N, C-alpha and C. Protein backbone atom coordinates (compact mmCIF):
# COMPACT_ATOMS: atom_id res chain seq x y z
N MET A 1 12.41 -14.56 -1.51
CA MET A 1 13.00 -14.04 -0.29
C MET A 1 14.52 -14.16 -0.32
N LEU A 2 15.01 -15.25 -0.86
CA LEU A 2 16.44 -15.45 -0.94
C LEU A 2 17.09 -14.40 -1.85
N GLY A 3 16.40 -14.07 -2.93
CA GLY A 3 16.93 -13.05 -3.83
C GLY A 3 17.02 -11.68 -3.16
N ALA A 4 16.01 -11.34 -2.36
CA ALA A 4 16.01 -10.05 -1.67
C ALA A 4 17.10 -9.99 -0.61
N ILE A 5 17.29 -11.08 0.12
CA ILE A 5 18.36 -11.12 1.12
C ILE A 5 19.71 -11.01 0.44
N THR A 6 19.85 -11.63 -0.73
CA THR A 6 21.08 -11.53 -1.49
C THR A 6 21.34 -10.09 -1.89
N ILE A 7 20.31 -9.39 -2.33
CA ILE A 7 20.47 -7.98 -2.69
C ILE A 7 20.93 -7.17 -1.49
N LEU A 8 20.28 -7.38 -0.34
CA LEU A 8 20.66 -6.65 0.88
C LEU A 8 22.11 -6.93 1.26
N LEU A 9 22.51 -8.19 1.20
CA LEU A 9 23.88 -8.54 1.56
C LEU A 9 24.90 -8.01 0.55
N LEU A 10 24.54 -7.97 -0.73
CA LEU A 10 25.44 -7.42 -1.74
C LEU A 10 25.67 -5.93 -1.52
N PHE A 11 24.61 -5.21 -1.16
CA PHE A 11 24.79 -3.79 -0.87
C PHE A 11 25.62 -3.58 0.40
N GLN A 12 25.43 -4.45 1.39
CA GLN A 12 26.27 -4.35 2.58
C GLN A 12 27.72 -4.65 2.23
N LEU A 13 27.95 -5.64 1.40
CA LEU A 13 29.31 -5.97 0.97
C LEU A 13 29.93 -4.80 0.20
N ALA A 14 29.17 -4.19 -0.68
CA ALA A 14 29.68 -3.04 -1.43
C ALA A 14 30.05 -1.90 -0.48
N GLY A 15 29.24 -1.69 0.53
CA GLY A 15 29.56 -0.67 1.52
C GLY A 15 30.82 -0.99 2.29
N GLU A 16 30.98 -2.25 2.68
CA GLU A 16 32.19 -2.68 3.40
C GLU A 16 33.43 -2.50 2.54
N VAL A 17 33.32 -2.89 1.27
CA VAL A 17 34.46 -2.75 0.35
C VAL A 17 34.83 -1.28 0.20
N LEU A 18 33.84 -0.41 0.01
CA LEU A 18 34.12 1.02 -0.12
C LEU A 18 34.73 1.60 1.15
N ALA A 19 34.19 1.22 2.29
CA ALA A 19 34.70 1.73 3.57
C ALA A 19 36.15 1.32 3.78
N GLN A 20 36.47 0.07 3.46
CA GLN A 20 37.84 -0.41 3.63
C GLN A 20 38.78 0.17 2.58
N ALA A 21 38.34 0.20 1.32
CA ALA A 21 39.20 0.67 0.24
C ALA A 21 39.53 2.15 0.36
N LEU A 22 38.55 2.94 0.80
CA LEU A 22 38.74 4.39 0.88
C LEU A 22 39.07 4.86 2.30
N SER A 23 39.20 3.92 3.23
CA SER A 23 39.48 4.24 4.64
C SER A 23 38.49 5.28 5.18
N LEU A 24 37.23 5.03 4.93
CA LEU A 24 36.19 5.96 5.37
C LEU A 24 35.88 5.74 6.85
N PRO A 25 35.55 6.81 7.57
CA PRO A 25 35.22 6.67 8.99
C PRO A 25 33.77 6.23 9.24
N VAL A 26 33.07 5.85 8.18
CA VAL A 26 31.67 5.44 8.27
C VAL A 26 31.62 3.92 8.14
N PRO A 27 30.81 3.25 8.97
CA PRO A 27 30.71 1.78 8.86
C PRO A 27 30.20 1.34 7.49
N GLY A 28 30.69 0.22 7.03
CA GLY A 28 30.29 -0.32 5.74
C GLY A 28 28.80 -0.53 5.57
N PRO A 29 28.11 -1.08 6.58
CA PRO A 29 26.66 -1.27 6.42
C PRO A 29 25.91 0.05 6.21
N VAL A 30 26.39 1.12 6.81
CA VAL A 30 25.74 2.42 6.61
C VAL A 30 25.93 2.88 5.18
N ILE A 31 27.13 2.71 4.66
CA ILE A 31 27.40 3.06 3.26
C ILE A 31 26.56 2.19 2.34
N GLY A 32 26.46 0.90 2.66
CA GLY A 32 25.64 -0.01 1.86
C GLY A 32 24.18 0.39 1.85
N MET A 33 23.66 0.83 3.00
CA MET A 33 22.27 1.28 3.04
C MET A 33 22.08 2.55 2.22
N ALA A 34 23.07 3.44 2.25
CA ALA A 34 22.97 4.65 1.44
C ALA A 34 22.99 4.30 -0.05
N LEU A 35 23.82 3.33 -0.41
CA LEU A 35 23.85 2.88 -1.81
C LEU A 35 22.52 2.24 -2.21
N LEU A 36 21.96 1.44 -1.32
CA LEU A 36 20.66 0.82 -1.59
C LEU A 36 19.58 1.89 -1.74
N LEU A 37 19.61 2.89 -0.87
CA LEU A 37 18.64 3.98 -0.98
C LEU A 37 18.77 4.69 -2.32
N ALA A 38 20.01 4.98 -2.72
CA ALA A 38 20.23 5.65 -4.00
C ALA A 38 19.71 4.79 -5.16
N ALA A 39 19.97 3.49 -5.10
CA ALA A 39 19.49 2.60 -6.16
C ALA A 39 17.97 2.55 -6.21
N LEU A 40 17.33 2.53 -5.04
CA LEU A 40 15.87 2.49 -5.02
C LEU A 40 15.26 3.80 -5.47
N VAL A 41 15.91 4.92 -5.14
CA VAL A 41 15.42 6.23 -5.61
C VAL A 41 15.53 6.31 -7.13
N LEU A 42 16.66 5.86 -7.66
CA LEU A 42 16.84 5.87 -9.12
C LEU A 42 15.84 4.94 -9.80
N ARG A 43 15.54 3.83 -9.17
CA ARG A 43 14.59 2.87 -9.74
C ARG A 43 13.16 3.39 -9.64
N GLY A 44 12.88 4.16 -8.60
CA GLY A 44 11.55 4.71 -8.43
C GLY A 44 10.75 4.04 -7.33
N SER A 45 11.05 2.78 -7.03
CA SER A 45 10.35 2.07 -5.96
C SER A 45 11.13 0.81 -5.63
N ALA A 46 10.74 0.20 -4.53
CA ALA A 46 11.37 -1.06 -4.13
C ALA A 46 10.59 -2.23 -4.74
N PRO A 47 11.29 -3.25 -5.19
CA PRO A 47 10.58 -4.44 -5.68
C PRO A 47 9.75 -5.05 -4.56
N GLU A 48 8.64 -5.67 -4.90
CA GLU A 48 7.73 -6.23 -3.90
C GLU A 48 8.43 -7.27 -3.03
N GLU A 49 9.27 -8.10 -3.63
CA GLU A 49 9.97 -9.13 -2.86
C GLU A 49 10.91 -8.50 -1.83
N LEU A 50 11.61 -7.44 -2.22
CA LEU A 50 12.51 -6.75 -1.30
C LEU A 50 11.71 -6.07 -0.19
N ARG A 51 10.60 -5.47 -0.53
CA ARG A 51 9.75 -4.82 0.47
C ARG A 51 9.22 -5.84 1.48
N HIS A 52 8.76 -6.97 0.99
CA HIS A 52 8.23 -8.02 1.87
C HIS A 52 9.33 -8.57 2.79
N THR A 53 10.50 -8.82 2.24
CA THR A 53 11.61 -9.36 3.04
C THR A 53 12.06 -8.35 4.08
N ALA A 54 12.17 -7.09 3.70
CA ALA A 54 12.57 -6.05 4.65
C ALA A 54 11.56 -5.93 5.79
N ASN A 55 10.29 -6.00 5.48
CA ASN A 55 9.26 -5.94 6.54
C ASN A 55 9.36 -7.14 7.47
N ASN A 56 9.66 -8.32 6.93
CA ASN A 56 9.83 -9.51 7.77
C ASN A 56 11.03 -9.34 8.70
N ILE A 57 12.11 -8.82 8.18
CA ILE A 57 13.31 -8.60 9.00
C ILE A 57 13.01 -7.56 10.08
N LEU A 58 12.33 -6.49 9.72
CA LEU A 58 12.01 -5.44 10.70
C LEU A 58 11.06 -5.93 11.78
N SER A 59 10.20 -6.88 11.45
CA SER A 59 9.28 -7.39 12.47
C SER A 59 10.02 -8.16 13.57
N HIS A 60 11.23 -8.60 13.29
CA HIS A 60 12.04 -9.32 14.28
C HIS A 60 13.23 -8.49 14.75
N LEU A 61 13.15 -7.19 14.60
CA LEU A 61 14.26 -6.30 14.94
C LEU A 61 14.63 -6.37 16.42
N SER A 62 13.65 -6.62 17.28
CA SER A 62 13.94 -6.64 18.72
C SER A 62 14.95 -7.72 19.08
N ILE A 63 15.04 -8.78 18.30
CA ILE A 63 16.02 -9.84 18.57
C ILE A 63 17.44 -9.30 18.45
N LEU A 64 17.64 -8.30 17.61
CA LEU A 64 18.99 -7.75 17.41
C LEU A 64 19.49 -6.96 18.62
N PHE A 65 18.60 -6.65 19.57
CA PHE A 65 19.03 -5.93 20.76
C PHE A 65 19.61 -6.87 21.82
N ILE A 66 19.44 -8.16 21.65
CA ILE A 66 19.96 -9.12 22.63
C ILE A 66 21.49 -9.04 22.75
N PRO A 67 22.26 -9.01 21.65
CA PRO A 67 23.71 -8.89 21.82
C PRO A 67 24.12 -7.61 22.56
N GLY A 68 23.42 -6.53 22.32
CA GLY A 68 23.73 -5.30 23.05
C GLY A 68 23.48 -5.44 24.54
N GLY A 69 22.38 -6.10 24.89
CA GLY A 69 22.08 -6.33 26.30
C GLY A 69 23.12 -7.22 26.96
N VAL A 70 23.57 -8.23 26.24
CA VAL A 70 24.62 -9.10 26.76
C VAL A 70 25.92 -8.31 26.95
N GLY A 71 26.21 -7.42 26.01
CA GLY A 71 27.41 -6.59 26.13
C GLY A 71 27.35 -5.69 27.36
N VAL A 72 26.17 -5.14 27.62
CA VAL A 72 26.01 -4.30 28.81
C VAL A 72 26.27 -5.13 30.07
N MET A 73 25.76 -6.33 30.11
CA MET A 73 25.98 -7.19 31.27
C MET A 73 27.45 -7.56 31.42
N LEU A 74 28.14 -7.73 30.32
CA LEU A 74 29.56 -8.08 30.34
C LEU A 74 30.39 -6.96 30.95
N TYR A 75 30.02 -5.71 30.67
CA TYR A 75 30.77 -4.56 31.15
C TYR A 75 30.11 -3.87 32.34
N LEU A 76 29.27 -4.57 33.06
CA LEU A 76 28.57 -3.99 34.19
C LEU A 76 29.49 -3.39 35.25
N PRO A 77 30.60 -4.05 35.61
CA PRO A 77 31.50 -3.42 36.59
C PRO A 77 32.06 -2.08 36.10
N ARG A 78 32.41 -2.00 34.83
CA ARG A 78 32.93 -0.73 34.31
C ARG A 78 31.84 0.33 34.28
N LEU A 79 30.63 -0.06 33.90
CA LEU A 79 29.52 0.88 33.91
C LEU A 79 29.25 1.39 35.32
N ALA A 80 29.40 0.52 36.31
CA ALA A 80 29.20 0.94 37.70
C ALA A 80 30.25 1.97 38.11
N GLN A 81 31.47 1.83 37.61
CA GLN A 81 32.54 2.78 37.94
C GLN A 81 32.35 4.12 37.25
N GLU A 82 31.84 4.10 36.05
CA GLU A 82 31.77 5.33 35.25
C GLU A 82 30.33 5.74 34.98
N TRP A 83 29.43 5.54 35.92
CA TRP A 83 28.03 5.83 35.71
C TRP A 83 27.75 7.32 35.54
N LEU A 84 28.50 8.17 36.24
CA LEU A 84 28.22 9.61 36.17
C LEU A 84 28.51 10.19 34.78
N PRO A 85 29.70 9.94 34.19
CA PRO A 85 29.91 10.46 32.82
C PRO A 85 28.94 9.87 31.80
N ILE A 86 28.60 8.60 31.98
CA ILE A 86 27.65 7.98 31.05
C ILE A 86 26.28 8.63 31.17
N LEU A 87 25.83 8.83 32.40
CA LEU A 87 24.54 9.48 32.62
C LEU A 87 24.54 10.91 32.08
N ALA A 88 25.62 11.64 32.32
CA ALA A 88 25.71 13.02 31.82
C ALA A 88 25.67 13.05 30.30
N SER A 89 26.41 12.16 29.66
CA SER A 89 26.41 12.15 28.19
C SER A 89 25.05 11.76 27.64
N LEU A 90 24.36 10.84 28.30
CA LEU A 90 23.01 10.46 27.86
C LEU A 90 22.04 11.63 27.98
N ILE A 91 22.12 12.36 29.08
CA ILE A 91 21.22 13.50 29.27
C ILE A 91 21.52 14.59 28.25
N VAL A 92 22.81 14.93 28.09
CA VAL A 92 23.18 16.00 27.15
C VAL A 92 22.82 15.60 25.72
N SER A 93 23.11 14.37 25.32
CA SER A 93 22.80 13.98 23.94
C SER A 93 21.30 13.92 23.70
N THR A 94 20.53 13.51 24.70
CA THR A 94 19.07 13.50 24.56
C THR A 94 18.54 14.92 24.41
N MET A 95 19.04 15.83 25.23
CA MET A 95 18.59 17.22 25.14
C MET A 95 18.96 17.83 23.78
N LEU A 96 20.19 17.58 23.31
CA LEU A 96 20.59 18.09 22.00
C LEU A 96 19.72 17.52 20.89
N THR A 97 19.40 16.25 20.99
CA THR A 97 18.53 15.63 19.98
C THR A 97 17.15 16.28 19.97
N LEU A 98 16.60 16.51 21.15
CA LEU A 98 15.29 17.16 21.24
C LEU A 98 15.33 18.58 20.67
N ILE A 99 16.38 19.33 20.99
CA ILE A 99 16.50 20.70 20.49
C ILE A 99 16.62 20.72 18.98
N VAL A 100 17.50 19.88 18.44
CA VAL A 100 17.68 19.85 16.98
C VAL A 100 16.39 19.40 16.29
N THR A 101 15.72 18.42 16.85
CA THR A 101 14.45 17.96 16.27
C THR A 101 13.42 19.07 16.27
N ALA A 102 13.33 19.82 17.37
CA ALA A 102 12.37 20.92 17.44
C ALA A 102 12.71 22.01 16.43
N LEU A 103 13.99 22.32 16.27
CA LEU A 103 14.38 23.35 15.31
C LEU A 103 14.09 22.92 13.88
N VAL A 104 14.36 21.68 13.57
CA VAL A 104 14.07 21.17 12.22
C VAL A 104 12.56 21.18 11.97
N LEU A 105 11.78 20.74 12.95
CA LEU A 105 10.32 20.75 12.80
C LEU A 105 9.81 22.17 12.60
N ARG A 106 10.33 23.12 13.36
CA ARG A 106 9.89 24.52 13.21
C ARG A 106 10.22 25.03 11.81
N ALA A 107 11.44 24.72 11.33
CA ALA A 107 11.82 25.16 9.99
C ALA A 107 10.92 24.53 8.92
N LEU A 108 10.61 23.26 9.07
CA LEU A 108 9.75 22.59 8.09
C LEU A 108 8.33 23.14 8.12
N LEU A 109 7.82 23.44 9.31
CA LEU A 109 6.48 24.01 9.40
C LEU A 109 6.42 25.41 8.78
N ARG A 110 7.46 26.20 9.01
CA ARG A 110 7.50 27.53 8.36
C ARG A 110 7.52 27.39 6.85
N ARG A 111 8.33 26.45 6.37
CA ARG A 111 8.46 26.24 4.93
C ARG A 111 7.11 25.80 4.34
N LYS A 112 6.44 24.89 5.05
CA LYS A 112 5.14 24.42 4.58
C LYS A 112 4.12 25.55 4.61
N GLY A 113 4.19 26.42 5.63
CA GLY A 113 3.28 27.56 5.70
C GLY A 113 3.48 28.52 4.56
N ARG A 114 4.73 28.76 4.19
CA ARG A 114 5.02 29.64 3.05
C ARG A 114 4.51 29.05 1.74
N GLU A 115 4.66 27.75 1.59
CA GLU A 115 4.19 27.09 0.37
C GLU A 115 2.67 27.12 0.29
N GLY A 116 1.99 27.02 1.46
CA GLY A 116 0.54 27.05 1.49
C GLY A 116 -0.03 28.42 1.15
N GLU A 117 0.73 29.49 1.49
CA GLU A 117 0.29 30.86 1.19
C GLU A 117 0.43 31.19 -0.27
N ALA A 118 1.42 30.59 -0.92
CA ALA A 118 1.71 30.93 -2.33
C ALA A 118 0.73 30.34 -3.29
């Protein structure tokens, strides 16, 4: 388990280094995850230890929402002042997400239908 966590942290570190060195607008952990994905694709599969450790971390993912909840409580007065723009942006972004998801699903189903006919 320690080896798998070390691998995860090394990829996160590599992402942070790349983000800082190249002044990229993408967070380092996102770049690190993309690098990890590329490494796993090139390898063909994830090692069992890494898979087991990742599943253990994901099973406790809800704990990571606690800092976000505390942050919301910290800025509650500001949220109360600006509730309308926040609500509008949440509604618009949710609708855009649903529309894009539906369009992608439709395109994938058409593609699958064409492949099934051939």
